[in-house]
């Protein structure tokens, strides 16, 4: 099955659909993703793109990491 990730979806929705992204995102600098309370509060409204802007993590770096792990980025 193709793993297609849409950066317009919330982090919580993406983690529910693809739980394997949690360690990928932690490695990229999104440490709070492993905290269930943060994931269920901020993750309900936060997108990966918004998180990248807040954390000053280049979106291209995140896209490359997901592609390395077999994801296709939905543009």
PDB file of N, CA and C in Angstrom:
ATOM      1  N   UNK A   1       0.829  -1.189   0.000  1.00  0.00           N
ATOM      2  CA  UNK A   1       0.000   0.000   0.000  1.00  0.00           C
ATOM      3  C   UNK A   1       0.872   1.251   0.000  1.00  0.00           C
ATOM      4  N   UNK A   2       0.541   2.178  -0.855  1.00  0.00           N
ATOM      5  CA  UNK A   2       1.291   3.424  -0.926  1.00  0.00           C
ATOM      6  C   UNK A   2       1.041   4.260   0.322  1.00  0.00           C
ATOM      7  N   UNK A   3       2.096   4.832   0.842  1.00  0.00           N
ATOM      8  CA  UNK A   3       1.973   5.706   2.008  1.00  0.00           C
ATOM      9  C   UNK A   3       2.061   7.140   1.505  1.00  0.00           C
ATOM     10  N   UNK A   4       0.906   7.787   1.439  1.00  0.00           N
ATOM     11  CA  UNK A   4       0.838   9.162   0.949  1.00  0.00           C
ATOM     12  C   UNK A   4       0.550  10.063   2.137  1.00  0.00           C
ATOM     13  N   UNK A   5       1.389  11.078   2.302  1.00  0.00           N
ATOM     14  CA  UNK A   5       1.230  11.974   3.442  1.00  0.00           C
ATOM     15  C   UNK A   5       0.837  13.359   2.941  1.00  0.00           C
ATOM     16  N   UNK A   6      -0.196  13.906   3.534  1.00  0.00           N
ATOM     17  CA  UNK A   6      -0.728  15.215   3.160  1.00  0.00           C
ATOM     18  C   UNK A   6      -0.401  16.189   4.286  1.00  0.00           C
ATOM     19  N   UNK A   7       0.486  17.131   4.017  1.00  0.00           N
ATOM     20  CA  UNK A   7       0.916  18.075   5.038  1.00  0.00           C
ATOM     21  C   UNK A   7      -0.169  19.077   5.405  1.00  0.00           C
ATOM     22  N   UNK A   8      -1.311  19.040   4.731  1.00  0.00           N
ATOM     23  CA  UNK A   8      -2.431  19.917   5.082  1.00  0.00           C
ATOM     24  C   UNK A   8      -3.304  19.308   6.177  1.00  0.00           C
ATOM     25  N   UNK A   9      -3.125  18.015   6.459  1.00  0.00           N
ATOM     26  CA  UNK A   9      -3.860  17.366   7.543  1.00  0.00           C
ATOM     27  C   UNK A   9      -3.198  17.695   8.875  1.00  0.00           C
ATOM     28  N   UNK A  10      -3.958  17.560   9.954  1.00  0.00           N
ATOM     29  CA  UNK A  10      -3.377  17.838  11.269  1.00  0.00           C
ATOM     30  C   UNK A  10      -2.399  16.733  11.660  1.00  0.00           C
ATOM     31  N   UNK A  11      -1.498  17.080  12.535  1.00  0.00           N
ATOM     32  CA  UNK A  11      -0.509  16.116  13.023  1.00  0.00           C
ATOM     33  C   UNK A  11      -1.218  14.932  13.690  1.00  0.00           C
ATOM     34  N   UNK A  12      -2.271  15.199  14.443  1.00  0.00           N
ATOM     35  CA  UNK A  12      -2.999  14.122  15.113  1.00  0.00           C
ATOM     36  C   UNK A  12      -3.599  13.157  14.093  1.00  0.00           C
ATOM     37  N   UNK A  13      -4.229  13.681  13.045  1.00  0.00           N
ATOM     38  CA  UNK A  13      -4.801  12.818  12.010  1.00  0.00           C
ATOM     39  C   UNK A  13      -3.729  11.976  11.336  1.00  0.00           C
ATOM     40  N   UNK A  14      -2.592  12.589  11.036  1.00  0.00           N
ATOM     41  CA  UNK A  14      -1.505  11.860  10.384  1.00  0.00           C
ATOM     42  C   UNK A  14      -0.956  10.756  11.296  1.00  0.00           C
ATOM     43  N   UNK A  15      -0.812  11.068  12.578  1.00  0.00           N
ATOM     44  CA  UNK A  15      -0.282  10.078  13.525  1.00  0.00           C
ATOM     45  C   UNK A  15      -1.256   8.928  13.737  1.00  0.00           C
ATOM     46  N   UNK A  16      -2.546   9.204  13.681  1.00  0.00           N
ATOM     47  CA  UNK A  16      -3.537   8.133  13.801  1.00  0.00           C
ATOM     48  C   UNK A  16      -3.460   7.202  12.593  1.00  0.00           C
ATOM     49  N   UNK A  17      -3.274   7.789  11.421  1.00  0.00           N
ATOM     50  CA  UNK A  17      -3.230   6.990  10.194  1.00  0.00           C
ATOM     51  C   UNK A  17      -1.882   6.293  10.004  1.00  0.00           C
ATOM     52  N   UNK A  18      -0.818   6.987  10.361  1.00  0.00           N
ATOM     53  CA  UNK A  18       0.546   6.453  10.208  1.00  0.00           C
ATOM     54  C   UNK A  18       1.313   6.635  11.523  1.00  0.00           C
ATOM     55  N   UNK A  19       1.105   5.773  12.514  1.00  0.00           N
ATOM     56  CA  UNK A  19       1.814   5.929  13.796  1.00  0.00           C
ATOM     57  C   UNK A  19       3.337   5.883  13.649  1.00  0.00           C
ATOM     58  N   UNK A  20       3.816   5.304  12.569  1.00  0.00           N
ATOM     59  CA  UNK A  20       5.275   5.218  12.374  1.00  0.00           C
ATOM     60  C   UNK A  20       5.921   6.567  12.104  1.00  0.00           C
ATOM     61  N   UNK A  21       5.130   7.619  11.901  1.00  0.00           N
ATOM     62  CA  UNK A  21       5.747   8.938  11.687  1.00  0.00           C
ATOM     63  C   UNK A  21       6.196   9.580  12.997  1.00  0.00           C
ATOM     64  N   UNK A  22       5.705   9.090  14.122  1.00  0.00           N
ATOM     65  CA  UNK A  22       6.052   9.715  15.412  1.00  0.00           C
ATOM     66  C   UNK A  22       7.562   9.706  15.657  1.00  0.00           C
ATOM     67  N   UNK A  23       8.265   8.567  15.532  1.00  0.00           N
ATOM     68  CA  UNK A  23       9.722   8.633  15.740  1.00  0.00           C
ATOM     69  C   UNK A  23      10.441   9.441  14.661  1.00  0.00           C
ATOM     70  N   UNK A  24       9.902   9.468  13.457  1.00  0.00           N
ATOM     71  CA  UNK A  24      10.518  10.274  12.388  1.00  0.00           C
ATOM     72  C   UNK A  24      10.455  11.742  12.774  1.00  0.00           C
ATOM     73  N   UNK A  25       9.289  12.179  13.216  1.00  0.00           N
ATOM     74  CA  UNK A  25       9.131  13.585  13.576  1.00  0.00           C
ATOM     75  C   UNK A  25       9.938  13.947  14.816  1.00  0.00           C
ATOM     76  N   UNK A  26      10.021  13.028  15.771  1.00  0.00           N
ATOM     77  CA  UNK A  26      10.843  13.293  16.967  1.00  0.00           C
ATOM     78  C   UNK A  26      12.296  13.510  16.561  1.00  0.00           C
ATOM     79  N   UNK A  27      12.776  12.669  15.668  1.00  0.00           N
ATOM     80  CA  UNK A  27      14.163  12.778  15.191  1.00  0.00           C
ATOM     81  C   UNK A  27      14.410  14.103  14.475  1.00  0.00           C
ATOM     82  N   UNK A  28      13.369  14.635  13.831  1.00  0.00           N
ATOM     83  CA  UNK A  28      13.493  15.901  13.108  1.00  0.00           C
ATOM     84  C   UNK A  28      13.462  17.124  14.027  1.00  0.00           C
ATOM     85  N   UNK A  29      13.106  16.929  15.299  1.00  0.00           N
ATOM     86  CA  UNK A  29      13.088  18.047  16.233  1.00  0.00           C
ATOM     87  C   UNK A  29      11.732  18.359  16.829  1.00  0.00           C
ATOM     88  N   UNK A  30      10.728  17.561  16.505  1.00  0.00           N
ATOM     89  CA  UNK A  30       9.401  17.746  17.082  1.00  0.00           C
ATOM     90  C   UNK A  30       9.273  16.843  18.312  1.00  0.00           C
ATOM     91  N   UNK A  31      10.007  17.190  19.381  1.00  0.00           N
ATOM     92  CA  UNK A  31      10.103  16.331  20.562  1.00  0.00           C
ATOM     93  C   UNK A  31       8.756  16.114  21.236  1.00  0.00           C
ATOM     94  N   UNK A  32       7.895  17.119  21.215  1.00  0.00           N
ATOM     95  CA  UNK A  32       6.621  17.044  21.945  1.00  0.00           C
ATOM     96  C   UNK A  32       5.644  16.033  21.353  1.00  0.00           C
ATOM     97  N   UNK A  33       5.951  15.529  20.174  1.00  0.00           N
ATOM     98  CA  UNK A  33       5.030  14.583  19.537  1.00  0.00           C
ATOM     99  C   UNK A  33       4.915  13.287  20.327  1.00  0.00           C
ATOM    100  N   UNK A  34       5.896  12.985  21.155  1.00  0.00           N
ATOM    101  CA  UNK A  34       5.851  11.750  21.947  1.00  0.00           C
ATOM    102  C   UNK A  34       5.032  11.927  23.225  1.00  0.00           C
ATOM    103  N   UNK A  35       4.635  13.147  23.530  1.00  0.00           N
ATOM    104  CA  UNK A  35       3.806  13.439  24.695  1.00  0.00           C
ATOM    105  C   UNK A  35       2.340  13.324  24.271  1.00  0.00           C
ATOM    106  N   UNK A  36       1.629  12.298  24.741  1.00  0.00           N
ATOM    107  CA  UNK A  36       0.240  12.101  24.303  1.00  0.00           C
ATOM    108  C   UNK A  36      -0.663  13.312  24.545  1.00  0.00           C
ATOM    109  N   UNK A  37      -0.446  14.025  25.645  1.00  0.00           N
ATOM    110  CA  UNK A  37      -1.268  15.199  25.929  1.00  0.00           C
ATOM    111  C   UNK A  37      -1.044  16.288  24.875  1.00  0.00           C
ATOM    112  N   UNK A  38       0.205  16.516  24.514  1.00  0.00           N
ATOM    113  CA  UNK A  38       0.511  17.528  23.481  1.00  0.00           C
ATOM    114  C   UNK A  38      -0.024  17.091  22.127  1.00  0.00           C
ATOM    115  N   UNK A  39       0.127  15.817  21.812  1.00  0.00           N
ATOM    116  CA  UNK A  39      -0.343  15.310  20.533  1.00  0.00           C
ATOM    117  C   UNK A  39      -1.849  15.488  20.411  1.00  0.00           C
ATOM    118  N   UNK A  40      -2.589  15.227  21.488  1.00  0.00           N
ATOM    119  CA  UNK A  40      -4.045  15.319  21.432  1.00  0.00           C
ATOM    120  C   UNK A  40      -4.570  16.740  21.616  1.00  0.00           C
ATOM    121  N   UNK A  41      -3.734  17.668  22.058  1.00  0.00           N
ATOM    122  CA  UNK A  41      -4.198  19.059  22.170  1.00  0.00           C
ATOM    123  C   UNK A  41      -3.694  19.867  20.978  1.00  0.00           C
ATOM    124  N   UNK A  42      -2.416  20.142  20.949  1.00  0.00           N
ATOM    125  CA  UNK A  42      -1.864  20.931  19.842  1.00  0.00           C
ATOM    126  C   UNK A  42      -1.949  20.183  18.522  1.00  0.00           C
ATOM    127  N   UNK A  43      -1.819  18.867  18.573  1.00  0.00           N
ATOM    128  CA  UNK A  43      -1.852  18.071  17.355  1.00  0.00           C
ATOM    129  C   UNK A  43      -3.183  18.099  16.633  1.00  0.00           C
ATOM    130  N   UNK A  44      -4.247  18.475  17.348  1.00  0.00           N
ATOM    131  CA  UNK A  44      -5.575  18.552  16.714  1.00  0.00           C
ATOM    132  C   UNK A  44      -5.683  19.719  15.748  1.00  0.00           C
ATOM    133  N   UNK A  45      -4.859  20.747  15.946  1.00  0.00           N
ATOM    134  CA  UNK A  45      -4.947  21.928  15.082  1.00  0.00           C
ATOM    135  C   UNK A  45      -3.664  22.189  14.287  1.00  0.00           C
ATOM    136  N   UNK A  46      -2.570  21.609  14.730  1.00  0.00           N
ATOM    137  CA  UNK A  46      -1.268  21.871  14.106  1.00  0.00           C
ATOM    138  C   UNK A  46      -1.048  20.984  12.883  1.00  0.00           C
ATOM    139  N   UNK A  47      -0.538  21.595  11.814  1.00  0.00           N
ATOM    140  CA  UNK A  47      -0.111  20.833  10.641  1.00  0.00           C
ATOM    141  C   UNK A  47       1.414  20.739  10.678  1.00  0.00           C
ATOM    142  N   UNK A  48       1.960  19.849   9.879  1.00  0.00           N
ATOM    143  CA  UNK A  48       3.426  19.739   9.810  1.00  0.00           C
ATOM    144  C   UNK A  48       4.022  21.037   9.288  1.00  0.00           C
ATOM    145  N   UNK A  49       3.393  21.630   8.284  1.00  0.00           N
ATOM    146  CA  UNK A  49       3.905  22.884   7.711  1.00  0.00           C
ATOM    147  C   UNK A  49       3.955  23.991   8.770  1.00  0.00           C
ATOM    148  N   UNK A  50       2.884  24.116   9.568  1.00  0.00           N
ATOM    149  CA  UNK A  50       2.871  25.131  10.630  1.00  0.00           C
ATOM    150  C   UNK A  50       3.920  24.822  11.688  1.00  0.00           C
ATOM    151  N   UNK A  51       4.059  23.555  12.029  1.00  0.00           N
ATOM    152  CA  UNK A  51       5.065  23.155  13.005  1.00  0.00           C
ATOM    153  C   UNK A  51       6.476  23.475  12.532  1.00  0.00           C
ATOM    154  N   UNK A  52       6.721  23.282  11.253  1.00  0.00           N
ATOM    155  CA  UNK A  52       8.032  23.615  10.692  1.00  0.00           C
ATOM    156  C   UNK A  52       8.322  25.105  10.832  1.00  0.00           C
ATOM    157  N   UNK A  53       7.317  25.934  10.547  1.00  0.00           N
ATOM    158  CA  UNK A  53       7.502  27.385  10.690  1.00  0.00           C
ATOM    159  C   UNK A  53       7.779  27.756  12.151  1.00  0.00           C
ATOM    160  N   UNK A  54       7.022  27.154  13.071  1.00  0.00           N
ATOM    161  CA  UNK A  54       7.197  27.476  14.488  1.00  0.00           C
ATOM    162  C   UNK A  54       8.564  27.038  15.010  1.00  0.00           C
ATOM    163  N   UNK A  55       9.011  25.863  14.587  1.00  0.00           N
ATOM    164  CA  UNK A  55      10.275  25.301  15.080  1.00  0.00           C
ATOM    165  C   UNK A  55      11.477  25.723  14.223  1.00  0.00           C
ATOM    166  N   UNK A  56      11.184  26.432  13.140  1.00  0.00           N
ATOM    167  CA  UNK A  56      12.231  26.856  12.193  1.00  0.00           C
ATOM    168  C   UNK A  56      12.993  25.650  11.628  1.00  0.00           C
ATOM    169  N   UNK A  57      12.226  24.639  11.265  1.00  0.00           N
ATOM    170  CA  UNK A  57      12.772  23.440  10.631  1.00  0.00           C
ATOM    171  C   UNK A  57      12.397  23.522   9.160  1.00  0.00           C
ATOM    172  N   UNK A  58      13.372  23.469   8.253  1.00  0.00           N
ATOM    173  CA  UNK A  58      13.045  23.576   6.826  1.00  0.00           C
ATOM    174  C   UNK A  58      12.074  22.476   6.379  1.00  0.00           C
ATOM    175  N   UNK A  59      11.020  22.876   5.707  1.00  0.00           N
ATOM    176  CA  UNK A  59      10.022  21.928   5.223  1.00  0.00           C
ATOM    177  C   UNK A  59      10.650  20.903   4.286  1.00  0.00           C
ATOM    178  N   UNK A  60      11.622  21.329   3.497  1.00  0.00           N
ATOM    179  CA  UNK A  60      12.294  20.403   2.581  1.00  0.00           C
ATOM    180  C   UNK A  60      13.022  19.291   3.347  1.00  0.00           C
ATOM    181  N   UNK A  61      13.551  19.609   4.518  1.00  0.00           N
ATOM    182  CA  UNK A  61      14.212  18.601   5.354  1.00  0.00           C
ATOM    183  C   UNK A  61      13.206  17.551   5.806  1.00  0.00           C
ATOM    184  N   UNK A  62      12.014  18.004   6.201  1.00  0.00           N
ATOM    185  CA  UNK A  62      10.963  17.104   6.663  1.00  0.00           C
ATOM    186  C   UNK A  62      10.470  16.245   5.496  1.00  0.00           C
ATOM    187  N   UNK A  63      10.263  16.869   4.348  1.00  0.00           N
ATOM    188  CA  UNK A  63       9.817  16.119   3.170  1.00  0.00           C
ATOM    189  C   UNK A  63      10.826  15.036   2.811  1.00  0.00           C
ATOM    190  N   UNK A  64      12.107  15.382   2.830  1.00  0.00           N
ATOM    191  CA  UNK A  64      13.154  14.412   2.491  1.00  0.00           C
ATOM    192  C   UNK A  64      13.163  13.243   3.466  1.00  0.00           C
ATOM    193  N   UNK A  65      12.957  13.528   4.755  1.00  0.00           N
ATOM    194  CA  UNK A  65      12.946  12.459   5.763  1.00  0.00           C
ATOM    195  C   UNK A  65      11.776  11.507   5.529  1.00  0.00           C
ATOM    196  N   UNK A  66      10.611  12.058   5.219  1.00  0.00           N
ATOM    197  CA  UNK A  66       9.458  11.204   4.962  1.00  0.00           C
ATOM    198  C   UNK A  66       9.660  10.371   3.699  1.00  0.00           C
ATOM    199  N   UNK A  67      10.223  10.978   2.672  1.00  0.00           N
ATOM    200  CA  UNK A  67      10.477  10.244   1.433  1.00  0.00           C
ATOM    201  C   UNK A  67      11.482   9.125   1.669  1.00  0.00           C
ATOM    202  N   UNK A  68      12.474   9.388   2.496  1.00  0.00           N
ATOM    203  CA  UNK A  68      13.478   8.369   2.833  1.00  0.00           C
ATOM    204  C   UNK A  68      12.832   7.161   3.518  1.00  0.00           C
ATOM    205  N   UNK A  69      11.741   7.409   4.248  1.00  0.00           N
ATOM    206  CA  UNK A  69      11.029   6.347   4.952  1.00  0.00           C
ATOM    207  C   UNK A  69       9.871   5.777   4.135  1.00  0.00           C
ATOM    208  N   UNK A  70       9.845   6.059   2.835  1.00  0.00           N
ATOM    209  CA  UNK A  70       8.877   5.418   1.945  1.00  0.00           C
ATOM    210  C   UNK A  70       7.565   6.154   1.747  1.00  0.00           C
ATOM    211  N   UNK A  71       7.477   7.393   2.199  1.00  0.00           N
ATOM    212  CA  UNK A  71       6.256   8.160   2.018  1.00  0.00           C
ATOM    213  C   UNK A  71       6.313   8.963   0.724  1.00  0.00           C
ATOM    214  N   UNK A  72       5.158   9.157   0.130  1.00  0.00           N
ATOM    215  CA  UNK A  72       4.989  10.064  -1.004  1.00  0.00           C
ATOM    216  C   UNK A  72       4.302  11.311  -0.449  1.00  0.00           C
ATOM    217  N   UNK A  73       4.820  12.477  -0.801  1.00  0.00           N
ATOM    218  CA  UNK A  73       4.262  13.731  -0.314  1.00  0.00           C
ATOM    219  C   UNK A  73       3.161  14.180  -1.254  1.00  0.00           C
ATOM    220  N   UNK A  74       1.967  14.402  -0.718  1.00  0.00           N
ATOM    221  CA  UNK A  74       0.864  14.920  -1.518  1.00  0.00           C
ATOM    222  C   UNK A  74       1.025  16.424  -1.626  1.00  0.00           C
ATOM    223  N   UNK A  75       1.155  16.889  -2.841  1.00  0.00           N
ATOM    224  CA  UNK A  75       1.368  18.341  -3.060  1.00  0.00           C
ATOM    225  C   UNK A  75       0.060  19.073  -3.178  1.00  0.00           C
TER     226      UNK A  75
END
